[in-house]
C-alpha atoms as a PDB file:
ATOM      1  CA  MET A   1       9.036 -10.726  44.147  1.00  0.00           C
ATOM      2  CA  GLU A   2       8.026 -14.114  44.114  1.00  0.00           C
ATOM      3  CA  THR A   3      10.411 -16.637  44.350  1.00  0.00           C
ATOM      4  CA  GLY A   4       8.421 -19.759  43.514  1.00  0.00           C
ATOM      5  CA  ASN A   5      10.337 -23.005  43.036  1.00  0.00           C
ATOM      6  CA  THR A   6      13.723 -21.449  42.132  1.00  0.00           C
ATOM      7  CA  ILE A   7      15.053 -21.175  45.479  1.00  0.00           C
ATOM      8  CA  THR A   8      15.183 -24.890  46.482  1.00  0.00           C
ATOM      9  CA  PRO A   9      15.969 -25.998  49.836  1.00  0.00           C
ATOM     10  CA  GLU A  10      19.394 -26.862  48.905  1.00  0.00           C
ATOM     11  CA  LEU A  11      19.929 -23.456  48.313  1.00  0.00           C
ATOM     12  CA  ILE A  12      18.513 -22.379  51.677  1.00  0.00           C
ATOM     13  CA  LYS A  13      20.943 -24.512  53.283  1.00  0.00           C
ATOM     14  CA  LEU A  14      23.657 -23.374  50.977  1.00  0.00           C
ATOM     15  CA  ARG A  15      22.690 -19.561  51.859  1.00  0.00           C
ATOM     16  CA  GLU A  16      22.990 -20.391  55.671  1.00  0.00           C
ATOM     17  CA  LEU A  17      26.214 -21.525  55.484  1.00  0.00           C
ATOM     18  CA  PHE A  18      27.468 -18.195  53.815  1.00  0.00           C
ATOM     19  CA  THR A  19      25.050 -16.133  56.448  1.00  0.00           C
ATOM     20  CA  ALA A  20      26.790 -18.037  59.081  1.00  0.00           C
ATOM     21  CA  ARG A  21      30.091 -16.645  58.182  1.00  0.00           C
ATOM     22  CA  GLY A  22      28.460 -13.147  57.547  1.00  0.00           C
ATOM     23  CA  PHE A  23      28.069 -13.483  53.742  1.00  0.00           C
ATOM     24  CA  ASP A  24      25.101 -13.849  51.696  1.00  0.00           C
ATOM     25  CA  ILE A  25      24.158 -14.975  48.107  1.00  0.00           C
ATOM     26  CA  ARG A  26      21.907 -13.552  45.632  1.00  0.00           C
ATOM     27  CA  LEU A  27      20.470 -14.032  42.387  1.00  0.00           C
ATOM     28  CA  VAL A  28      21.593 -12.273  39.742  1.00  0.00           C
ATOM     29  CA  GLY A  29      21.517 -11.710  35.877  1.00  0.00           C
ATOM     30  CA  GLY A  30      19.445 -13.571  33.526  1.00  0.00           C
ATOM     31  CA  CYS A  31      17.555 -15.930  35.987  1.00  0.00           C
ATOM     32  CA  VAL A  32      16.128 -12.581  37.728  1.00  0.00           C
ATOM     33  CA  ARG A  33      15.162 -11.085  34.161  1.00  0.00           C
ATOM     34  CA  ASP A  34      13.483 -14.381  33.341  1.00  0.00           C
ATOM     35  CA  MET A  35      11.195 -14.252  36.751  1.00  0.00           C
ATOM     36  CA  VAL A  36      10.522 -10.580  36.614  1.00  0.00           C
ATOM     37  CA  LEU A  37       8.934 -11.778  32.996  1.00  0.00           C
ATOM     38  CA  GLY A  38       6.771 -14.771  34.544  1.00  0.00           C
ATOM     39  CA  ALA A  39       9.232 -17.260  32.562  1.00  0.00           C
ATOM     40  CA  VAL A  40      10.888 -20.214  34.595  1.00  0.00           C
ATOM     41  CA  PRO A  41      14.730 -19.887  34.363  1.00  0.00           C
ATOM     42  CA  ASN A  42      16.863 -22.359  32.806  1.00  0.00           C
ATOM     43  CA  ASP A  43      19.483 -21.945  35.188  1.00  0.00           C
ATOM     44  CA  ILE A  44      20.226 -19.616  38.099  1.00  0.00           C
ATOM     45  CA  ASP A  45      23.158 -17.540  38.775  1.00  0.00           C
ATOM     46  CA  LEU A  46      24.371 -16.440  42.411  1.00  0.00           C
ATOM     47  CA  CYS A  47      26.604 -13.709  43.503  1.00  0.00           C
ATOM     48  CA  THR A  48      28.263 -13.007  47.081  1.00  0.00           C
ATOM     49  CA  ASP A  49      30.069 -10.945  48.909  1.00  0.00           C
ATOM     50  CA  ALA A  50      32.719 -13.658  49.822  1.00  0.00           C
ATOM     51  CA  ASN A  51      35.821 -13.681  47.693  1.00  0.00           C
ATOM     52  CA  PRO A  52      36.799 -16.828  46.244  1.00  0.00           C
ATOM     53  CA  ASP A  53      38.893 -17.383  48.734  1.00  0.00           C
ATOM     54  CA  GLU A  54      36.421 -17.398  51.177  1.00  0.00           C
ATOM     55  CA  GLN A  55      33.882 -19.321  48.802  1.00  0.00           C
ATOM     56  CA  VAL A  56      36.353 -22.113  48.858  1.00  0.00           C
ATOM     57  CA  GLU A  57      36.577 -22.084  52.588  1.00  0.00           C
ATOM     58  CA  ILE A  58      32.902 -22.132  53.076  1.00  0.00           C
ATOM     59  CA  TYR A  59      32.255 -25.085  50.652  1.00  0.00           C
ATOM     60  CA  ARG A  60      35.270 -27.370  52.004  1.00  0.00           C
ATOM     61  CA  ASN A  61      33.916 -26.775  55.562  1.00  0.00           C
ATOM     62  CA  ALA A  62      30.565 -27.836  55.020  1.00  0.00           C
ATOM     63  CA  GLY A  63      31.563 -30.464  51.883  1.00  0.00           C
ATOM     64  CA  VAL A  64      29.938 -28.971  49.201  1.00  0.00           C
ATOM     65  CA  ARG A  65      31.169 -30.377  45.998  1.00  0.00           C
ATOM     66  CA  TYR A  66      32.765 -27.598  43.957  1.00  0.00           C
ATOM     67  CA  VAL A  67      34.905 -26.508  40.678  1.00  0.00           C
ATOM     68  CA  GLU A  68      36.686 -24.091  40.134  1.00  0.00           C
ATOM     69  CA  THR A  69      35.508 -23.005  37.141  1.00  0.00           C
ATOM     70  CA  GLY A  70      36.081 -19.435  35.989  1.00  0.00           C
ATOM     71  CA  LEU A  71      38.388 -18.501  39.359  1.00  0.00           C
ATOM     72  CA  GLN A  72      40.218 -16.000  37.457  1.00  0.00           C
ATOM     73  CA  HIS A  73      36.723 -13.992  37.249  1.00  0.00           C
ATOM     74  CA  GLY A  74      35.845 -15.349  40.969  1.00  0.00           C
ATOM     75  CA  THR A  75      33.403 -18.062  39.661  1.00  0.00           C
ATOM     76  CA  ILE A  76      32.777 -21.017  41.258  1.00  0.00           C
ATOM     77  CA  THR A  77      30.412 -23.796  40.654  1.00  0.00           C
ATOM     78  CA  VAL A  78      28.955 -25.725  43.064  1.00  0.00           C
ATOM     79  CA  VAL A  79      27.256 -29.148  42.779  1.00  0.00           C
ATOM     80  CA  LEU A  80      23.636 -29.407  44.945  1.00  0.00           C
ATOM     81  CA  ALA A  81      21.500 -32.440  44.624  1.00  0.00           C
ATOM     82  CA  GLY A  82      22.792 -32.816  41.101  1.00  0.00           C
ATOM     83  CA  GLU A  83      21.772 -29.198  39.964  1.00  0.00           C
ATOM     84  CA  THR A  84      25.141 -26.792  39.440  1.00  0.00           C
ATOM     85  CA  TYR A  85      25.061 -23.368  40.185  1.00  0.00           C
ATOM     86  CA  GLU A  86      27.399 -20.608  39.177  1.00  0.00           C
ATOM     87  CA  ILE A  87      28.582 -18.548  42.189  1.00  0.00           C
ATOM     88  CA  THR A  88      30.392 -15.595  41.507  1.00  0.00           C
ATOM     89  CA  SER A  89      32.112 -12.695  43.965  1.00  0.00           C
ATOM     90  CA  LEU A  90      31.262  -9.609  43.481  1.00  0.00           C
ATOM     91  CA  ARG A  91      34.098  -7.759  41.763  1.00  0.00           C
ATOM     92  CA  ARG A  92      34.375  -4.251  39.937  1.00  0.00           C
ATOM     93  CA  ASP A  93      36.627  -3.366  36.807  1.00  0.00           C
ATOM     94  CA  ALA A  94      40.296  -2.583  37.759  1.00  0.00           C
ATOM     95  CA  GLU A  95      41.212  -2.088  34.107  1.00  0.00           C
ATOM     96  CA  THR A  96      39.446  -2.772  30.880  1.00  0.00           C
ATOM     97  CA  ASP A  97      40.204  -2.675  27.294  1.00  0.00           C
ATOM     98  CA  GLY A  98      36.097  -2.781  26.418  1.00  0.00           C
ATOM     99  CA  ARG A  99      36.064  -6.689  25.788  1.00  0.00           C
ATOM    100  CA  HIS A 100      38.764  -8.465  28.603  1.00  0.00           C
ATOM    101  CA  ALA A 101      38.623  -6.920  32.153  1.00  0.00           C
ATOM    102  CA  ARG A 102      41.212  -7.150  35.021  1.00  0.00           C
ATOM    103  CA  VAL A 103      38.543  -7.694  38.286  1.00  0.00           C
ATOM    104  CA  VAL A 104      38.936  -6.661  41.841  1.00  0.00           C
ATOM    105  CA  TYR A 105      36.826  -8.023  44.184  1.00  0.00           C
ATOM    106  CA  THR A 106      34.682  -5.785  46.343  1.00  0.00           C
ATOM    107  CA  ARG A 107      31.605  -6.037  49.066  1.00  0.00           C
ATOM    108  CA  ASP A 108      29.411  -3.692  47.225  1.00  0.00           C
ATOM    109  CA  TRP A 109      26.671  -5.410  45.978  1.00  0.00           C
ATOM    110  CA  LEU A 110      25.302  -2.080  43.847  1.00  0.00           C
ATOM    111  CA  THR A 111      29.210  -1.787  42.317  1.00  0.00           C
ATOM    112  CA  ASP A 112      28.893  -5.326  40.968  1.00  0.00           C
ATOM    113  CA  LEU A 113      25.108  -4.485  39.202  1.00  0.00           C
ATOM    114  CA  GLU A 114      27.496  -1.461  37.449  1.00  0.00           C
ATOM    115  CA  ARG A 115      29.893  -3.618  35.303  1.00  0.00           C
ATOM    116  CA  ARG A 116      27.049  -5.563  33.878  1.00  0.00           C
ATOM    117  CA  ASP A 117      25.773  -5.383  30.205  1.00  0.00           C
ATOM    118  CA  PHE A 118      22.013  -4.074  29.924  1.00  0.00           C
ATOM    119  CA  THR A 119      19.589  -2.612  32.317  1.00  0.00           C
ATOM    120  CA  PHE A 120      17.460  -6.024  32.416  1.00  0.00           C
ATOM    121  CA  ASN A 121      20.612  -8.081  33.397  1.00  0.00           C
ATOM    122  CA  ALA A 122      21.384  -5.984  35.964  1.00  0.00           C
ATOM    123  CA  MET A 123      18.953  -6.740  38.669  1.00  0.00           C
ATOM    124  CA  MET A 124      19.695  -9.099  41.995  1.00  0.00           C
ATOM    125  CA  LEU A 125      17.164 -10.760  43.919  1.00  0.00           C
ATOM    126  CA  THR A 126      17.529 -11.850  47.678  1.00  0.00           C
ATOM    127  CA  PHE A 127      16.259 -14.748  48.846  1.00  0.00           C
ATOM    128  CA  ASP A 128      13.379 -13.073  50.698  1.00  0.00           C
ATOM    129  CA  GLY A 129      12.072 -12.001  47.684  1.00  0.00           C
ATOM    130  CA  GLU A 130      13.799  -8.174  47.630  1.00  0.00           C
ATOM    131  CA  LEU A 131      14.188  -6.825  44.166  1.00  0.00           C
ATOM    132  CA  ILE A 132      17.178  -4.777  43.460  1.00  0.00           C
ATOM    133  CA  ASP A 133      16.936  -2.924  40.327  1.00  0.00           C
ATOM    134  CA  PRO A 134      19.326   0.339  40.482  1.00  0.00           C
ATOM    135  CA  HIS A 135      19.252   0.969  36.492  1.00  0.00           C
ATOM    136  CA  GLY A 136      15.516   0.638  35.878  1.00  0.00           C
ATOM    137  CA  GLY A 137      15.731  -2.975  34.481  1.00  0.00           C
ATOM    138  CA  GLN A 138      11.988  -3.954  35.131  1.00  0.00           C
ATOM    139  CA  GLN A 139      11.018  -0.788  33.389  1.00  0.00           C
ATOM    140  CA  ASP A 140      12.755  -1.563  30.354  1.00  0.00           C
ATOM    141  CA  LEU A 141      11.632  -5.107  30.382  1.00  0.00           C
ATOM    142  CA  ALA A 142       7.778  -3.915  30.356  1.00  0.00           C
ATOM    143  CA  GLN A 143       8.488  -0.943  27.568  1.00  0.00           C
ATOM    144  CA  GLY A 144      10.418  -3.403  25.901  1.00  0.00           C
ATOM    145  CA  GLY A 145      13.230  -1.401  25.618  1.00  0.00           C
ATOM    146  CA  VAL A 146      17.034  -2.236  26.071  1.00  0.00           C
ATOM    147  CA  ARG A 147      19.441   0.204  27.386  1.00  0.00           C
ATOM    148  CA  PHE A 148      22.938  -0.080  28.288  1.00  0.00           C
ATOM    149  CA  VAL A 149      24.304  -0.087  31.737  1.00  0.00           C
ATOM    150  CA  GLY A 150      26.363   3.379  32.206  1.00  0.00           C
ATOM    151  CA  ASP A 151      28.025   4.356  28.949  1.00  0.00           C
ATOM    152  CA  ALA A 152      28.124   1.721  26.643  1.00  0.00           C
END
């Protein structure tokens, strides 16, 4: 899939910091949905197989400006060239009441997608343009359908 101008040189440099440590970052959620629809995303959300502590270590060592915005959920906001990006560690629900969840971190990309709401928000895009769509979100978008991931 074509990534256009969505992946900036700053994001490429950030990804290199992650891959140098054995981790990766990928685009996820609404920005991927927008790109599949041919729209320019308003914001770029990313996910990583690095846990929050590992993320912070990467940012500190590289001098990347970051804010621990949603640390209880594994989300850290980084600021690159004046743009903000939320980067969330891969996770799965350990316990949930249907609305609130206690999460645990995982290294499994597909497990993270299983906890998302709709199939078209459960898509992931690698920096190399590979669309990961295990729940058929692209097809649902093409057909104008809305389906939940798993049992709603």
